[in-house]
Amino acid sequence: MKRAFALVTVPAMAIALAACGDGKDSHGTTGHSTSASSPPASGGAQAGRHNGQDVMFAQMMIPHHRQAVEMADLAATRASSAEVKSLAAEIRKAQAPEIEQLSGWLKDWGAPVPSPGMTGMGGMHHGGTDGMMSEQDMKELKAAKGEAFDKAFLEMMIEHHEGAVAMARTEESAGMFPPAKRMAGSIVSSQTAEIARMRTLLKQ
């Protein structure tokens, strides 16, 4: 028995926690794969392994989505274009629930959930591959109205979406947790389509 136990546990030591299922709610998530001190979770019938990339994806996408929702909320009172208002409402409807889902995964994994106001894990900033707007960008967007707002919103949201698509593609290729990879695929398809839509609106 000791020999059998050693053969099973020693090779799996590096991924032991990642393989532990949680199964405690509808997220179907697992214990944190990178925390050796995390207690093993119970259950596991619906569990899937996750890795550091899955954690990073969730921790970066939460503030990214929060900013997109903030930008979308501004359109309700500042945009002059019905198309821009409609697009903003669709963005909010899609991304707000994903914030809750991503937060649930992190809680299940025992990983920190970014607090509101945080800019994410990894130094997100305007002009980087993440597509996050700077504080100054947001101030300018909040100050704009009418057609000026429409133009600024579309230009900023295109960059924002491009950052999200890049992060989602990384999750698709390097992530391990199936639900996160499925969300990443959905982000790639939906936001790529929205980028094309916004570019068309800018030309009008």
C-alpha atoms as a PDB file:
ATOM      1  CA  MET A   1       0.000   0.000   0.000  1.00  0.00           C
ATOM      2  CA  LYS A   2       2.823   2.441   0.867  1.00  0.00           C
ATOM      3  CA  ARG A   3       4.554   1.730  -2.431  1.00  0.00           C
ATOM      4  CA  ALA A   4       1.298   2.195  -4.375  1.00  0.00           C
ATOM      5  CA  PHE A   5       0.552   5.416  -2.528  1.00  0.00           C
ATOM      6  CA  ALA A   6       4.007   6.791  -3.328  1.00  0.00           C
ATOM      7  CA  LEU A   7       3.736   5.909  -6.981  1.00  0.00           C
ATOM      8  CA  VAL A   8       0.484   7.800  -7.211  1.00  0.00           C
ATOM      9  CA  THR A   9       1.247  10.835  -5.089  1.00  0.00           C
ATOM     10  CA  VAL A  10       4.868  11.693  -5.890  1.00  0.00           C
ATOM     11  CA  PRO A  11       4.525  12.188  -9.661  1.00  0.00           C
ATOM     12  CA  ALA A  12       1.334  14.145  -9.097  1.00  0.00           C
ATOM     13  CA  MET A  13       2.708  16.438  -6.392  1.00  0.00           C
ATOM     14  CA  ALA A  14       3.141  19.441  -8.712  1.00  0.00           C
ATOM     15  CA  ILE A  15      -0.459  19.311  -9.887  1.00  0.00           C
ATOM     16  CA  ALA A  16      -2.176  17.790  -6.888  1.00  0.00           C
ATOM     17  CA  LEU A  17      -4.174  20.844  -5.964  1.00  0.00           C
ATOM     18  CA  ALA A  18      -5.035  21.573  -9.581  1.00  0.00           C
ATOM     19  CA  ALA A  19      -6.560  18.135  -9.850  1.00  0.00           C
ATOM     20  CA  CYS A  20      -8.651  18.494  -6.694  1.00  0.00           C
ATOM     21  CA  GLY A  21     -12.268  19.150  -7.558  1.00  0.00           C
ATOM     22  CA  ASP A  22     -14.441  21.673  -5.780  1.00  0.00           C
ATOM     23  CA  GLY A  23     -17.866  20.873  -7.098  1.00  0.00           C
ATOM     24  CA  LYS A  24     -19.477  23.026  -4.394  1.00  0.00           C
ATOM     25  CA  ASP A  25     -21.529  25.161  -6.772  1.00  0.00           C
ATOM     26  CA  SER A  26     -22.591  25.653 -10.354  1.00  0.00           C
ATOM     27  CA  HIS A  27     -19.175  26.960 -11.402  1.00  0.00           C
ATOM     28  CA  GLY A  28     -17.807  23.393 -11.430  1.00  0.00           C
ATOM     29  CA  THR A  29     -14.377  24.661 -10.386  1.00  0.00           C
ATOM     30  CA  THR A  30     -11.343  23.334  -8.567  1.00  0.00           C
ATOM     31  CA  GLY A  31      -8.920  24.095  -5.770  1.00  0.00           C
ATOM     32  CA  HIS A  32      -6.169  26.653  -6.540  1.00  0.00           C
ATOM     33  CA  SER A  33      -3.443  24.915  -8.516  1.00  0.00           C
ATOM     34  CA  THR A  34      -0.705  27.342  -7.470  1.00  0.00           C
ATOM     35  CA  SER A  35      -1.257  27.455  -3.709  1.00  0.00           C
ATOM     36  CA  ALA A  36       0.402  24.666  -1.799  1.00  0.00           C
ATOM     37  CA  SER A  37      -1.321  25.800   1.402  1.00  0.00           C
ATOM     38  CA  SER A  38      -4.848  25.659  -0.015  1.00  0.00           C
ATOM     39  CA  PRO A  39      -6.918  22.896   1.554  1.00  0.00           C
ATOM     40  CA  PRO A  40      -8.221  20.251  -0.817  1.00  0.00           C
ATOM     41  CA  ALA A  41     -11.793  20.892  -1.869  1.00  0.00           C
ATOM     42  CA  SER A  42     -14.536  18.349  -1.553  1.00  0.00           C
ATOM     43  CA  GLY A  43     -16.581  16.774  -4.297  1.00  0.00           C
ATOM     44  CA  GLY A  44     -15.391  16.894  -7.869  1.00  0.00           C
ATOM     45  CA  ALA A  45     -18.000  15.220 -10.044  1.00  0.00           C
ATOM     46  CA  GLN A  46     -18.138  18.313 -12.273  1.00  0.00           C
ATOM     47  CA  ALA A  47     -14.604  19.494 -11.578  1.00  0.00           C
ATOM     48  CA  GLY A  48     -11.933  20.216 -14.119  1.00  0.00           C
ATOM     49  CA  ARG A  49      -8.287  21.081 -13.680  1.00  0.00           C
ATOM     50  CA  HIS A  50      -7.151  24.689 -13.843  1.00  0.00           C
ATOM     51  CA  ASN A  51      -3.729  26.295 -14.025  1.00  0.00           C
ATOM     52  CA  GLY A  52      -2.043  29.631 -13.445  1.00  0.00           C
ATOM     53  CA  GLN A  53      -3.158  30.911 -16.839  1.00  0.00           C
ATOM     54  CA  ASP A  54      -6.795  30.328 -15.905  1.00  0.00           C
ATOM     55  CA  VAL A  55      -6.312  32.337 -12.709  1.00  0.00           C
ATOM     56  CA  MET A  56      -4.541  35.148 -14.565  1.00  0.00           C
ATOM     57  CA  PHE A  57      -7.257  35.214 -17.230  1.00  0.00           C
ATOM     58  CA  ALA A  58      -9.977  35.660 -14.624  1.00  0.00           C
ATOM     59  CA  GLN A  59      -8.032  38.219 -12.590  1.00  0.00           C
ATOM     60  CA  MET A  60      -7.254  40.321 -15.663  1.00  0.00           C
ATOM     61  CA  MET A  61     -10.618  39.983 -17.383  1.00  0.00           C
ATOM     62  CA  ILE A  62     -12.640  41.117 -14.349  1.00  0.00           C
ATOM     63  CA  PRO A  63     -11.276  44.705 -14.255  1.00  0.00           C
ATOM     64  CA  HIS A  64     -11.240  44.713 -18.053  1.00  0.00           C
ATOM     65  CA  HIS A  65     -14.949  43.877 -18.165  1.00  0.00           C
ATOM     66  CA  ARG A  66     -15.706  46.326 -15.353  1.00  0.00           C
ATOM     67  CA  GLN A  67     -14.195  49.153 -17.364  1.00  0.00           C
ATOM     68  CA  ALA A  68     -16.144  48.125 -20.467  1.00  0.00           C
ATOM     69  CA  VAL A  69     -19.359  48.173 -18.433  1.00  0.00           C
ATOM     70  CA  GLU A  70     -18.455  51.607 -17.052  1.00  0.00           C
ATOM     71  CA  MET A  71     -17.875  52.882 -20.582  1.00  0.00           C
ATOM     72  CA  ALA A  72     -21.132  51.324 -21.763  1.00  0.00           C
ATOM     73  CA  ASP A  73     -23.064  52.955 -18.916  1.00  0.00           C
ATOM     74  CA  LEU A  74     -21.837  56.383 -20.038  1.00  0.00           C
ATOM     75  CA  ALA A  75     -23.374  55.880 -23.463  1.00  0.00           C
ATOM     76  CA  ALA A  76     -26.903  55.809 -22.065  1.00  0.00           C
ATOM     77  CA  THR A  77     -26.834  59.550 -21.290  1.00  0.00           C
ATOM     78  CA  ARG A  78     -24.016  60.854 -23.497  1.00  0.00           C
ATOM     79  CA  ALA A  79     -24.270  59.118 -26.875  1.00  0.00           C
ATOM     80  CA  SER A  80     -26.232  60.704 -29.694  1.00  0.00           C
ATOM     81  CA  SER A  81     -26.258  57.651 -31.948  1.00  0.00           C
ATOM     82  CA  ALA A  82     -28.971  55.060 -31.414  1.00  0.00           C
ATOM     83  CA  GLU A  83     -26.572  52.448 -32.798  1.00  0.00           C
ATOM     84  CA  VAL A  84     -23.931  53.359 -30.232  1.00  0.00           C
ATOM     85  CA  LYS A  85     -26.470  53.226 -27.407  1.00  0.00           C
ATOM     86  CA  SER A  86     -27.694  49.836 -28.592  1.00  0.00           C
ATOM     87  CA  LEU A  87     -24.167  48.460 -28.883  1.00  0.00           C
ATOM     88  CA  ALA A  88     -23.270  49.753 -25.426  1.00  0.00           C
ATOM     89  CA  ALA A  89     -26.336  48.073 -23.930  1.00  0.00           C
ATOM     90  CA  GLU A  90     -25.381  44.780 -25.578  1.00  0.00           C
ATOM     91  CA  ILE A  91     -21.825  45.043 -24.237  1.00  0.00           C
ATOM     92  CA  ARG A  92     -23.110  45.626 -20.722  1.00  0.00           C
ATOM     93  CA  LYS A  93     -25.595  42.750 -20.966  1.00  0.00           C
ATOM     94  CA  ALA A  94     -22.874  40.343 -22.100  1.00  0.00           C
ATOM     95  CA  GLN A  95     -20.038  41.351 -19.806  1.00  0.00           C
ATOM     96  CA  ALA A  96     -21.732  42.050 -16.463  1.00  0.00           C
ATOM     97  CA  PRO A  97     -22.731  38.370 -15.959  1.00  0.00           C
ATOM     98  CA  GLU A  98     -19.238  37.244 -17.004  1.00  0.00           C
ATOM     99  CA  ILE A  99     -17.759  39.364 -14.204  1.00  0.00           C
ATOM    100  CA  GLU A 100     -19.840  37.381 -11.716  1.00  0.00           C
ATOM    101  CA  GLN A 101     -18.844  34.078 -13.290  1.00  0.00           C
ATOM    102  CA  LEU A 102     -15.140  34.942 -13.302  1.00  0.00           C
ATOM    103  CA  SER A 103     -15.352  36.105  -9.689  1.00  0.00           C
ATOM    104  CA  GLY A 104     -17.034  32.844  -8.716  1.00  0.00           C
ATOM    105  CA  TRP A 105     -14.240  30.803 -10.262  1.00  0.00           C
ATOM    106  CA  LEU A 106     -11.569  32.760  -8.400  1.00  0.00           C
ATOM    107  CA  LYS A 107     -13.405  32.317  -5.103  1.00  0.00           C
ATOM    108  CA  ASP A 108     -13.703  28.595  -5.720  1.00  0.00           C
ATOM    109  CA  TRP A 109      -9.974  28.417  -6.492  1.00  0.00           C
ATOM    110  CA  GLY A 110      -9.042  30.359  -3.360  1.00  0.00           C
ATOM    111  CA  ALA A 111      -7.510  33.102  -5.522  1.00  0.00           C
ATOM    112  CA  PRO A 112      -7.899  36.863  -4.908  1.00  0.00           C
ATOM    113  CA  VAL A 113     -10.762  38.589  -6.699  1.00  0.00           C
ATOM    114  CA  PRO A 114      -9.741  42.051  -7.957  1.00  0.00           C
ATOM    115  CA  SER A 115     -11.516  44.789  -6.026  1.00  0.00           C
ATOM    116  CA  PRO A 116     -13.506  47.454  -7.871  1.00  0.00           C
ATOM    117  CA  GLY A 117     -11.125  50.181  -8.946  1.00  0.00           C
ATOM    118  CA  MET A 118      -8.175  47.852  -9.397  1.00  0.00           C
ATOM    119  CA  THR A 119      -6.534  48.009 -12.812  1.00  0.00           C
ATOM    120  CA  GLY A 120      -5.877  44.286 -12.922  1.00  0.00           C
ATOM    121  CA  MET A 121      -2.997  41.900 -12.513  1.00  0.00           C
ATOM    122  CA  GLY A 122      -0.109  42.785 -14.753  1.00  0.00           C
ATOM    123  CA  GLY A 123      -0.008  46.561 -15.039  1.00  0.00           C
ATOM    124  CA  MET A 124      -2.837  47.213 -17.439  1.00  0.00           C
ATOM    125  CA  HIS A 125      -2.585  50.603 -19.071  1.00  0.00           C
ATOM    126  CA  HIS A 126      -3.755  52.482 -22.128  1.00  0.00           C
ATOM    127  CA  GLY A 127      -1.673  51.694 -25.174  1.00  0.00           C
ATOM    128  CA  GLY A 128      -0.697  48.210 -24.009  1.00  0.00           C
ATOM    129  CA  THR A 129      -1.863  44.908 -25.393  1.00  0.00           C
ATOM    130  CA  ASP A 130      -4.589  44.752 -22.721  1.00  0.00           C
ATOM    131  CA  GLY A 131      -6.530  47.643 -24.244  1.00  0.00           C
ATOM    132  CA  MET A 132      -7.367  49.244 -20.894  1.00  0.00           C
ATOM    133  CA  MET A 133      -8.112  52.957 -20.866  1.00  0.00           C
ATOM    134  CA  SER A 134      -6.118  55.268 -18.608  1.00  0.00           C
ATOM    135  CA  GLU A 135      -7.735  57.511 -16.001  1.00  0.00           C
ATOM    136  CA  GLN A 136      -7.262  60.431 -18.367  1.00  0.00           C
ATOM    137  CA  ASP A 137      -8.978  58.535 -21.180  1.00  0.00           C
ATOM    138  CA  MET A 138     -11.965  57.893 -18.932  1.00  0.00           C
ATOM    139  CA  LYS A 139     -12.120  61.537 -17.846  1.00  0.00           C
ATOM    140  CA  GLU A 140     -12.170  62.627 -21.473  1.00  0.00           C
ATOM    141  CA  LEU A 141     -14.887  60.113 -22.314  1.00  0.00           C
ATOM    142  CA  LYS A 142     -17.023  61.254 -19.372  1.00  0.00           C
ATOM    143  CA  ALA A 143     -16.644  64.874 -20.471  1.00  0.00           C
ATOM    144  CA  ALA A 144     -17.709  64.188 -24.069  1.00  0.00           C
ATOM    145  CA  LYS A 145     -21.278  64.319 -25.348  1.00  0.00           C
ATOM    146  CA  GLY A 146     -23.132  63.786 -28.596  1.00  0.00           C
ATOM    147  CA  GLU A 147     -21.152  62.957 -31.710  1.00  0.00           C
ATOM    148  CA  ALA A 148     -17.848  63.616 -29.921  1.00  0.00           C
ATOM    149  CA  PHE A 149     -18.772  60.967 -27.371  1.00  0.00           C
ATOM    150  CA  ASP A 150     -19.842  58.523 -30.084  1.00  0.00           C
ATOM    151  CA  LYS A 151     -16.487  58.826 -31.853  1.00  0.00           C
ATOM    152  CA  ALA A 152     -14.425  58.591 -28.642  1.00  0.00           C
ATOM    153  CA  PHE A 153     -16.482  55.660 -27.351  1.00  0.00           C
ATOM    154  CA  LEU A 154     -16.118  53.666 -30.559  1.00  0.00           C
ATOM    155  CA  GLU A 155     -12.380  54.312 -30.867  1.00  0.00           C
ATOM    156  CA  MET A 156     -11.724  53.424 -27.235  1.00  0.00           C
ATOM    157  CA  MET A 157     -13.986  50.381 -27.226  1.00  0.00           C
ATOM    158  CA  ILE A 158     -12.329  49.005 -30.344  1.00  0.00           C
ATOM    159  CA  GLU A 159      -8.963  49.166 -28.598  1.00  0.00           C
ATOM    160  CA  HIS A 160     -10.531  47.756 -25.442  1.00  0.00           C
ATOM    161  CA  HIS A 161     -12.054  44.836 -27.329  1.00  0.00           C
ATOM    162  CA  GLU A 162      -8.782  44.134 -29.142  1.00  0.00           C
ATOM    163  CA  GLY A 163      -7.107  43.766 -25.759  1.00  0.00           C
ATOM    164  CA  ALA A 164      -9.808  41.399 -24.538  1.00  0.00           C
ATOM    165  CA  VAL A 165      -9.529  39.279 -27.687  1.00  0.00           C
ATOM    166  CA  ALA A 166      -5.752  39.022 -27.232  1.00  0.00           C
ATOM    167  CA  MET A 167      -6.168  37.884 -23.618  1.00  0.00           C
ATOM    168  CA  ALA A 168      -8.882  35.428 -24.614  1.00  0.00           C
ATOM    169  CA  ARG A 169      -6.713  33.893 -27.328  1.00  0.00           C
ATOM    170  CA  THR A 170      -3.967  33.339 -24.755  1.00  0.00           C
ATOM    171  CA  GLU A 171      -6.475  31.592 -22.511  1.00  0.00           C
ATOM    172  CA  GLU A 172      -7.637  29.417 -25.385  1.00  0.00           C
ATOM    173  CA  SER A 173      -4.091  28.265 -26.094  1.00  0.00           C
ATOM    174  CA  ALA A 174      -2.619  28.072 -22.590  1.00  0.00           C
ATOM    175  CA  GLY A 175      -5.552  27.658 -20.203  1.00  0.00           C
ATOM    176  CA  MET A 176      -6.697  24.368 -18.725  1.00  0.00           C
ATOM    177  CA  PHE A 177     -10.115  25.007 -17.160  1.00  0.00           C
ATOM    178  CA  PRO A 178     -12.793  24.075 -19.747  1.00  0.00           C
ATOM    179  CA  PRO A 179     -15.418  26.696 -18.754  1.00  0.00           C
ATOM    180  CA  ALA A 180     -12.792  29.462 -18.889  1.00  0.00           C
ATOM    181  CA  LYS A 181     -11.612  28.304 -22.295  1.00  0.00           C
ATOM    182  CA  ARG A 182     -15.217  28.261 -23.519  1.00  0.00           C
ATOM    183  CA  MET A 183     -15.730  31.809 -22.239  1.00  0.00           C
ATOM    184  CA  ALA A 184     -12.522  32.854 -23.968  1.00  0.00           C
ATOM    185  CA  GLY A 185     -13.781  31.417 -27.251  1.00  0.00           C
ATOM    186  CA  SER A 186     -17.047  33.288 -26.860  1.00  0.00           C
ATOM    187  CA  ILE A 187     -15.170  36.539 -26.169  1.00  0.00           C
ATOM    188  CA  VAL A 188     -13.058  36.079 -29.283  1.00  0.00           C
ATOM    189  CA  SER A 189     -16.046  35.505 -31.556  1.00  0.00           C
ATOM    190  CA  SER A 190     -18.430  38.082 -30.093  1.00  0.00           C
ATOM    191  CA  GLN A 191     -15.960  40.898 -29.593  1.00  0.00           C
ATOM    192  CA  THR A 192     -14.300  40.376 -32.972  1.00  0.00           C
ATOM    193  CA  ALA A 193     -17.745  40.837 -34.525  1.00  0.00           C
ATOM    194  CA  GLU A 194     -18.351  43.938 -32.410  1.00  0.00           C
ATOM    195  CA  ILE A 195     -15.007  45.413 -33.494  1.00  0.00           C
ATOM    196  CA  ALA A 196     -16.078  45.088 -37.136  1.00  0.00           C
ATOM    197  CA  ARG A 197     -19.430  46.648 -36.273  1.00  0.00           C
ATOM    198  CA  MET A 198     -17.811  49.595 -34.492  1.00  0.00           C
ATOM    199  CA  ARG A 199     -15.401  50.231 -37.350  1.00  0.00           C
ATOM    200  CA  THR A 200     -18.372  50.407 -39.693  1.00  0.00           C
ATOM    201  CA  LEU A 201     -20.099  52.916 -37.392  1.00  0.00           C
ATOM    202  CA  LEU A 202     -16.990  55.079 -37.336  1.00  0.00           C
ATOM    203  CA  LYS A 203     -17.093  55.349 -41.139  1.00  0.00           C
ATOM    204  CA  GLN A 204     -20.688  56.550 -41.178  1.00  0.00           C
END
